[in-house]
Amino acid sequence: MARRPRPKLVTLTDAAAERVREIMERKGSGYLRVGVKNGGCAGMEYVMDYADQPEAFDEIVEDNGVKIVVDAKAVLFLLGSVVDYEVTPLHAKFVFNNPNQTDACGCGESVTIIPVVEEA
């Protein structure tokens, strides 16, 4: 029996990938590290950082020419997320479009995320 295709853990839009590549070239790091942490009024916050090497149990995804390390504790919260880079006259920022996100605070700094439940 053929297995159904596994959804990509995290993907980047073209704009996000271009911006990450620019930043990584200047920084000299090999990976973009993404995850979540407890915090904010809605319960969780997205985090992004540089990583020279993945840590034990981290997931590694390559998308749009960028190597992404996903914190092992964040996998079920980020499954299927698309990271975009948004530029407006007032700000430029990375935005997570996450199908597991159920709510966000008014300021947009924190979110409520329900972890993915594996189908039987």
N, C-alpha and C. Protein backbone atom coordinates (compact mmCIF):
# COMPACT_ATOMS: atom_id res chain seq x y z
N MET A 1 0.84 -1.16 0.00
CA MET A 1 0.00 0.00 0.00
C MET A 1 0.89 1.24 0.00
N ALA A 2 0.56 2.16 -0.87
CA ALA A 2 1.34 3.40 -0.97
C ALA A 2 0.96 4.34 0.17
N ARG A 3 1.98 4.97 0.72
CA ARG A 3 1.74 5.94 1.80
C ARG A 3 1.33 7.26 1.19
N ARG A 4 0.47 7.97 1.88
CA ARG A 4 0.09 9.29 1.40
C ARG A 4 1.30 10.22 1.53
N PRO A 5 1.40 11.22 0.68
CA PRO A 5 2.54 12.13 0.76
C PRO A 5 2.54 12.87 2.10
N ARG A 6 3.71 12.99 2.66
CA ARG A 6 3.87 13.70 3.93
C ARG A 6 3.92 15.20 3.65
N PRO A 7 3.10 15.98 4.35
CA PRO A 7 3.15 17.43 4.11
C PRO A 7 4.50 17.99 4.52
N LYS A 8 4.93 19.01 3.81
CA LYS A 8 6.19 19.65 4.16
C LYS A 8 6.02 20.35 5.49
N LEU A 9 6.99 20.20 6.34
CA LEU A 9 6.91 20.75 7.70
C LEU A 9 6.77 22.27 7.68
N VAL A 10 7.68 22.95 7.01
CA VAL A 10 7.66 24.41 6.90
C VAL A 10 8.14 24.78 5.51
N THR A 11 7.48 25.76 4.90
CA THR A 11 7.92 26.26 3.60
C THR A 11 8.09 27.77 3.68
N LEU A 12 8.84 28.30 2.71
CA LEU A 12 9.08 29.74 2.62
C LEU A 12 8.52 30.26 1.31
N THR A 13 7.90 31.43 1.34
CA THR A 13 7.52 32.07 0.09
C THR A 13 8.80 32.56 -0.59
N ASP A 14 8.68 32.95 -1.85
CA ASP A 14 9.85 33.48 -2.56
C ASP A 14 10.42 34.70 -1.85
N ALA A 15 9.54 35.59 -1.38
CA ALA A 15 10.00 36.81 -0.68
C ALA A 15 10.75 36.46 0.60
N ALA A 16 10.21 35.51 1.37
CA ALA A 16 10.87 35.12 2.62
C ALA A 16 12.21 34.46 2.33
N ALA A 17 12.25 33.58 1.35
CA ALA A 17 13.50 32.89 1.03
C ALA A 17 14.58 33.87 0.58
N GLU A 18 14.19 34.83 -0.23
CA GLU A 18 15.15 35.84 -0.69
C GLU A 18 15.71 36.63 0.48
N ARG A 19 14.85 37.05 1.38
CA ARG A 19 15.30 37.83 2.55
C ARG A 19 16.18 37.00 3.48
N VAL A 20 15.79 35.74 3.72
CA VAL A 20 16.60 34.86 4.57
C VAL A 20 17.97 34.65 3.96
N ARG A 21 18.03 34.41 2.64
CA ARG A 21 19.33 34.21 1.99
C ARG A 21 20.21 35.45 2.15
N GLU A 22 19.64 36.65 2.00
CA GLU A 22 20.40 37.89 2.19
C GLU A 22 20.97 37.96 3.61
N ILE A 23 20.12 37.70 4.59
CA ILE A 23 20.54 37.76 6.00
C ILE A 23 21.60 36.71 6.29
N MET A 24 21.39 35.48 5.82
CA MET A 24 22.32 34.39 6.11
C MET A 24 23.68 34.63 5.46
N GLU A 25 23.71 35.22 4.28
CA GLU A 25 24.98 35.53 3.63
C GLU A 25 25.79 36.52 4.47
N ARG A 26 25.12 37.53 5.00
CA ARG A 26 25.81 38.52 5.85
C ARG A 26 26.24 37.91 7.16
N LYS A 27 25.39 37.08 7.74
CA LYS A 27 25.66 36.47 9.06
C LYS A 27 26.69 35.35 8.95
N GLY A 28 26.65 34.62 7.84
CA GLY A 28 27.58 33.51 7.67
C GLY A 28 27.10 32.23 8.33
N SER A 29 25.84 32.16 8.74
CA SER A 29 25.29 30.95 9.35
C SER A 29 24.77 30.02 8.28
N GLY A 30 24.66 28.75 8.64
CA GLY A 30 24.21 27.76 7.68
C GLY A 30 22.73 27.50 7.67
N TYR A 31 22.04 27.75 8.79
CA TYR A 31 20.64 27.39 8.90
C TYR A 31 19.81 28.52 9.49
N LEU A 32 18.55 28.55 9.07
CA LEU A 32 17.54 29.36 9.73
C LEU A 32 16.86 28.45 10.73
N ARG A 33 16.80 28.83 11.98
CA ARG A 33 16.17 28.02 13.02
C ARG A 33 14.81 28.63 13.35
N VAL A 34 13.73 27.83 13.30
CA VAL A 34 12.40 28.30 13.65
C VAL A 34 11.81 27.42 14.74
N GLY A 35 10.94 28.01 15.54
CA GLY A 35 10.30 27.28 16.61
C GLY A 35 9.22 28.11 17.25
N VAL A 36 8.75 27.67 18.37
CA VAL A 36 7.76 28.40 19.16
C VAL A 36 8.21 28.38 20.62
N LYS A 37 7.73 29.36 21.38
CA LYS A 37 8.00 29.37 22.81
C LYS A 37 6.75 29.86 23.53
N ASN A 38 6.63 29.51 24.78
CA ASN A 38 5.51 30.00 25.58
C ASN A 38 5.73 31.48 25.86
N GLY A 39 4.66 32.25 25.72
CA GLY A 39 4.77 33.67 26.01
C GLY A 39 3.65 34.47 25.39
N GLY A 40 3.57 35.71 25.78
CA GLY A 40 2.57 36.62 25.24
C GLY A 40 1.19 36.33 25.79
N CYS A 41 0.26 37.21 25.47
CA CYS A 41 -1.09 37.09 26.02
C CYS A 41 -1.90 35.99 25.37
N ALA A 42 -1.52 35.51 24.19
CA ALA A 42 -2.26 34.43 23.54
C ALA A 42 -1.65 33.06 23.82
N GLY A 43 -0.48 33.02 24.48
CA GLY A 43 0.08 31.74 24.91
C GLY A 43 1.38 31.31 24.27
N MET A 44 1.60 31.64 22.99
CA MET A 44 2.83 31.20 22.31
C MET A 44 3.34 32.30 21.39
N GLU A 45 4.63 32.23 21.11
CA GLU A 45 5.26 33.17 20.19
C GLU A 45 6.14 32.39 19.21
N TYR A 46 6.16 32.83 17.97
CA TYR A 46 7.07 32.25 16.99
C TYR A 46 8.47 32.79 17.25
N VAL A 47 9.48 31.96 17.05
CA VAL A 47 10.87 32.40 17.20
C VAL A 47 11.66 32.01 15.96
N MET A 48 12.58 32.90 15.60
CA MET A 48 13.50 32.65 14.49
C MET A 48 14.89 33.02 14.96
N ASP A 49 15.89 32.25 14.53
CA ASP A 49 17.26 32.51 14.94
C ASP A 49 18.20 31.90 13.91
N TYR A 50 19.47 32.13 14.10
CA TYR A 50 20.51 31.52 13.27
C TYR A 50 20.96 30.23 13.93
N ALA A 51 21.44 29.29 13.12
CA ALA A 51 22.01 28.06 13.68
C ALA A 51 23.15 27.63 12.79
N ASP A 52 24.27 27.31 13.42
CA ASP A 52 25.41 26.76 12.66
C ASP A 52 25.21 25.28 12.40
N GLN A 53 24.60 24.59 13.36
CA GLN A 53 24.34 23.15 13.26
C GLN A 53 22.99 22.84 13.89
N PRO A 54 22.29 21.83 13.39
CA PRO A 54 21.07 21.40 14.06
C PRO A 54 21.39 20.72 15.39
N GLU A 55 20.44 20.78 16.32
CA GLU A 55 20.58 20.08 17.58
C GLU A 55 19.97 18.69 17.45
N ALA A 56 20.26 17.82 18.41
CA ALA A 56 19.71 16.47 18.39
C ALA A 56 18.19 16.54 18.29
N PHE A 57 17.61 15.71 17.46
CA PHE A 57 16.17 15.55 17.26
C PHE A 57 15.52 16.67 16.46
N ASP A 58 16.25 17.71 16.07
CA ASP A 58 15.67 18.76 15.23
C ASP A 58 15.34 18.18 13.85
N GLU A 59 14.35 18.77 13.20
CA GLU A 59 14.00 18.41 11.83
C GLU A 59 14.71 19.39 10.90
N ILE A 60 15.21 18.88 9.79
CA ILE A 60 15.87 19.74 8.81
C ILE A 60 15.04 19.72 7.52
N VAL A 61 14.73 20.91 7.03
CA VAL A 61 13.95 21.07 5.81
C VAL A 61 14.74 21.99 4.90
N GLU A 62 14.76 21.67 3.62
CA GLU A 62 15.36 22.59 2.66
C GLU A 62 14.24 23.03 1.74
N ASP A 63 14.02 24.35 1.67
CA ASP A 63 12.97 24.88 0.82
C ASP A 63 13.43 26.17 0.18
N ASN A 64 13.20 26.27 -1.10
CA ASN A 64 13.48 27.51 -1.81
C ASN A 64 14.93 27.96 -1.64
N GLY A 65 15.84 26.99 -1.55
CA GLY A 65 17.26 27.31 -1.43
C GLY A 65 17.72 27.66 -0.03
N VAL A 66 16.88 27.45 0.98
CA VAL A 66 17.22 27.78 2.36
C VAL A 66 17.15 26.52 3.21
N LYS A 67 18.17 26.32 4.06
CA LYS A 67 18.16 25.21 5.01
C LYS A 67 17.50 25.69 6.29
N ILE A 68 16.43 24.99 6.67
CA ILE A 68 15.65 25.38 7.84
C ILE A 68 15.75 24.29 8.89
N VAL A 69 16.07 24.68 10.12
CA VAL A 69 16.08 23.76 11.25
C VAL A 69 14.83 24.06 12.06
N VAL A 70 14.01 23.03 12.29
CA VAL A 70 12.80 23.20 13.09
C VAL A 70 13.04 22.54 14.44
N ASP A 71 12.91 23.33 15.49
CA ASP A 71 13.07 22.84 16.85
C ASP A 71 12.18 21.62 17.05
N ALA A 72 12.74 20.55 17.58
CA ALA A 72 12.00 19.30 17.75
C ALA A 72 10.72 19.49 18.56
N LYS A 73 10.74 20.38 19.53
CA LYS A 73 9.55 20.62 20.37
C LYS A 73 8.47 21.39 19.62
N ALA A 74 8.79 21.98 18.47
CA ALA A 74 7.83 22.81 17.74
C ALA A 74 7.21 22.11 16.54
N VAL A 75 7.67 20.91 16.20
CA VAL A 75 7.23 20.25 14.98
C VAL A 75 5.71 20.17 14.88
N LEU A 76 5.03 19.67 15.89
CA LEU A 76 3.58 19.50 15.81
C LEU A 76 2.84 20.83 15.80
N PHE A 77 3.48 21.90 16.25
CA PHE A 77 2.85 23.22 16.23
C PHE A 77 3.03 23.92 14.89
N LEU A 78 4.11 23.58 14.16
CA LEU A 78 4.44 24.29 12.92
C LEU A 78 4.13 23.52 11.64
N LEU A 79 3.70 22.29 11.74
CA LEU A 79 3.45 21.45 10.56
C LEU A 79 2.52 22.15 9.57
N GLY A 80 3.00 22.33 8.36
CA GLY A 80 2.22 22.96 7.30
C GLY A 80 2.34 24.47 7.24
N SER A 81 3.17 25.07 8.08
CA SER A 81 3.30 26.53 8.11
C SER A 81 4.04 27.06 6.89
N VAL A 82 3.64 28.25 6.46
CA VAL A 82 4.32 28.97 5.39
C VAL A 82 4.84 30.28 5.99
N VAL A 83 6.13 30.52 5.83
CA VAL A 83 6.73 31.76 6.33
C VAL A 83 6.83 32.72 5.15
N ASP A 84 6.30 33.92 5.35
CA ASP A 84 6.33 34.95 4.32
C ASP A 84 7.12 36.14 4.85
N TYR A 85 7.55 37.01 3.95
CA TYR A 85 8.21 38.26 4.33
C TYR A 85 7.35 39.39 3.79
N GLU A 86 6.83 40.20 4.69
CA GLU A 86 5.87 41.24 4.36
C GLU A 86 6.52 42.60 4.51
N VAL A 87 6.36 43.44 3.48
CA VAL A 87 6.89 44.80 3.51
C VAL A 87 5.73 45.76 3.25
N THR A 88 5.54 46.70 4.18
CA THR A 88 4.54 47.75 4.03
C THR A 88 5.25 49.09 4.26
N PRO A 89 4.57 50.20 4.05
CA PRO A 89 5.22 51.49 4.31
C PRO A 89 5.66 51.66 5.78
N LEU A 90 5.05 50.91 6.71
CA LEU A 90 5.36 51.08 8.12
C LEU A 90 6.22 49.99 8.73
N HIS A 91 6.37 48.86 8.06
CA HIS A 91 7.18 47.79 8.65
C HIS A 91 7.62 46.77 7.60
N ALA A 92 8.60 45.99 7.98
CA ALA A 92 9.04 44.83 7.19
C ALA A 92 9.24 43.71 8.21
N LYS A 93 8.58 42.57 8.00
CA LYS A 93 8.68 41.50 8.99
C LYS A 93 8.35 40.15 8.37
N PHE A 94 8.82 39.10 9.07
CA PHE A 94 8.45 37.74 8.70
C PHE A 94 7.10 37.43 9.34
N VAL A 95 6.26 36.73 8.58
CA VAL A 95 4.92 36.39 9.03
C VAL A 95 4.72 34.89 8.88
N PHE A 96 4.23 34.23 9.92
CA PHE A 96 3.92 32.81 9.87
C PHE A 96 2.45 32.63 9.51
N ASN A 97 2.17 31.94 8.42
CA ASN A 97 0.81 31.54 8.07
C ASN A 97 0.70 30.08 8.45
N ASN A 98 0.08 29.83 9.60
CA ASN A 98 0.10 28.52 10.23
C ASN A 98 -1.32 27.95 10.30
N PRO A 99 -1.57 26.81 9.64
CA PRO A 99 -2.91 26.22 9.69
C PRO A 99 -3.30 25.74 11.08
N ASN A 100 -2.36 25.62 11.99
CA ASN A 100 -2.63 25.15 13.34
C ASN A 100 -2.91 26.30 14.32
N GLN A 101 -2.76 27.52 13.85
CA GLN A 101 -2.99 28.69 14.69
C GLN A 101 -4.49 28.93 14.79
N THR A 102 -4.98 29.06 16.01
CA THR A 102 -6.42 29.24 16.21
C THR A 102 -6.79 30.64 16.66
N ASP A 103 -5.81 31.42 17.12
CA ASP A 103 -6.11 32.76 17.63
C ASP A 103 -4.81 33.55 17.70
N ALA A 104 -4.94 34.87 17.78
CA ALA A 104 -3.78 35.74 17.95
C ALA A 104 -4.19 36.90 18.83
N CYS A 105 -3.23 37.48 19.52
CA CYS A 105 -3.52 38.64 20.36
C CYS A 105 -3.69 39.86 19.47
N GLY A 106 -4.20 40.92 20.03
CA GLY A 106 -4.46 42.13 19.28
C GLY A 106 -3.21 42.78 18.71
N CYS A 107 -2.10 42.68 19.41
CA CYS A 107 -0.87 43.32 18.93
C CYS A 107 -0.14 42.46 17.89
N GLY A 108 -0.56 41.20 17.74
CA GLY A 108 0.05 40.32 16.74
C GLY A 108 1.36 39.68 17.16
N GLU A 109 1.74 39.84 18.41
CA GLU A 109 3.01 39.29 18.87
C GLU A 109 2.92 37.86 19.38
N SER A 110 1.72 37.42 19.77
CA SER A 110 1.60 36.05 20.26
C SER A 110 0.36 35.40 19.67
N VAL A 111 0.35 34.06 19.69
CA VAL A 111 -0.70 33.29 19.03
C VAL A 111 -1.11 32.11 19.89
N THR A 112 -2.24 31.55 19.58
CA THR A 112 -2.66 30.29 20.17
C THR A 112 -2.54 29.24 19.07
N ILE A 113 -1.83 28.14 19.35
CA ILE A 113 -1.60 27.09 18.36
C ILE A 113 -2.01 25.76 18.96
N ILE A 114 -2.77 25.00 18.21
CA ILE A 114 -3.16 23.66 18.62
C ILE A 114 -2.25 22.67 17.86
N PRO A 115 -1.55 21.78 18.57
CA PRO A 115 -0.66 20.84 17.87
C PRO A 115 -1.44 19.89 16.98
N VAL A 116 -0.81 19.47 15.89
CA VAL A 116 -1.39 18.52 14.95
C VAL A 116 -1.59 17.19 15.66
N VAL A 117 -2.72 16.55 15.38
CA VAL A 117 -2.99 15.22 15.90
C VAL A 117 -2.88 14.26 14.73
N GLU A 118 -2.06 13.24 14.89
CA GLU A 118 -1.84 12.27 13.83
C GLU A 118 -3.12 11.49 13.57
N GLU A 119 -3.47 11.40 12.26
CA GLU A 119 -4.65 10.64 11.87
C GLU A 119 -4.34 9.15 11.93
N ALA A 120 -5.32 8.36 12.31
CA ALA A 120 -5.12 6.90 12.41
C ALA A 120 -5.08 6.25 11.06
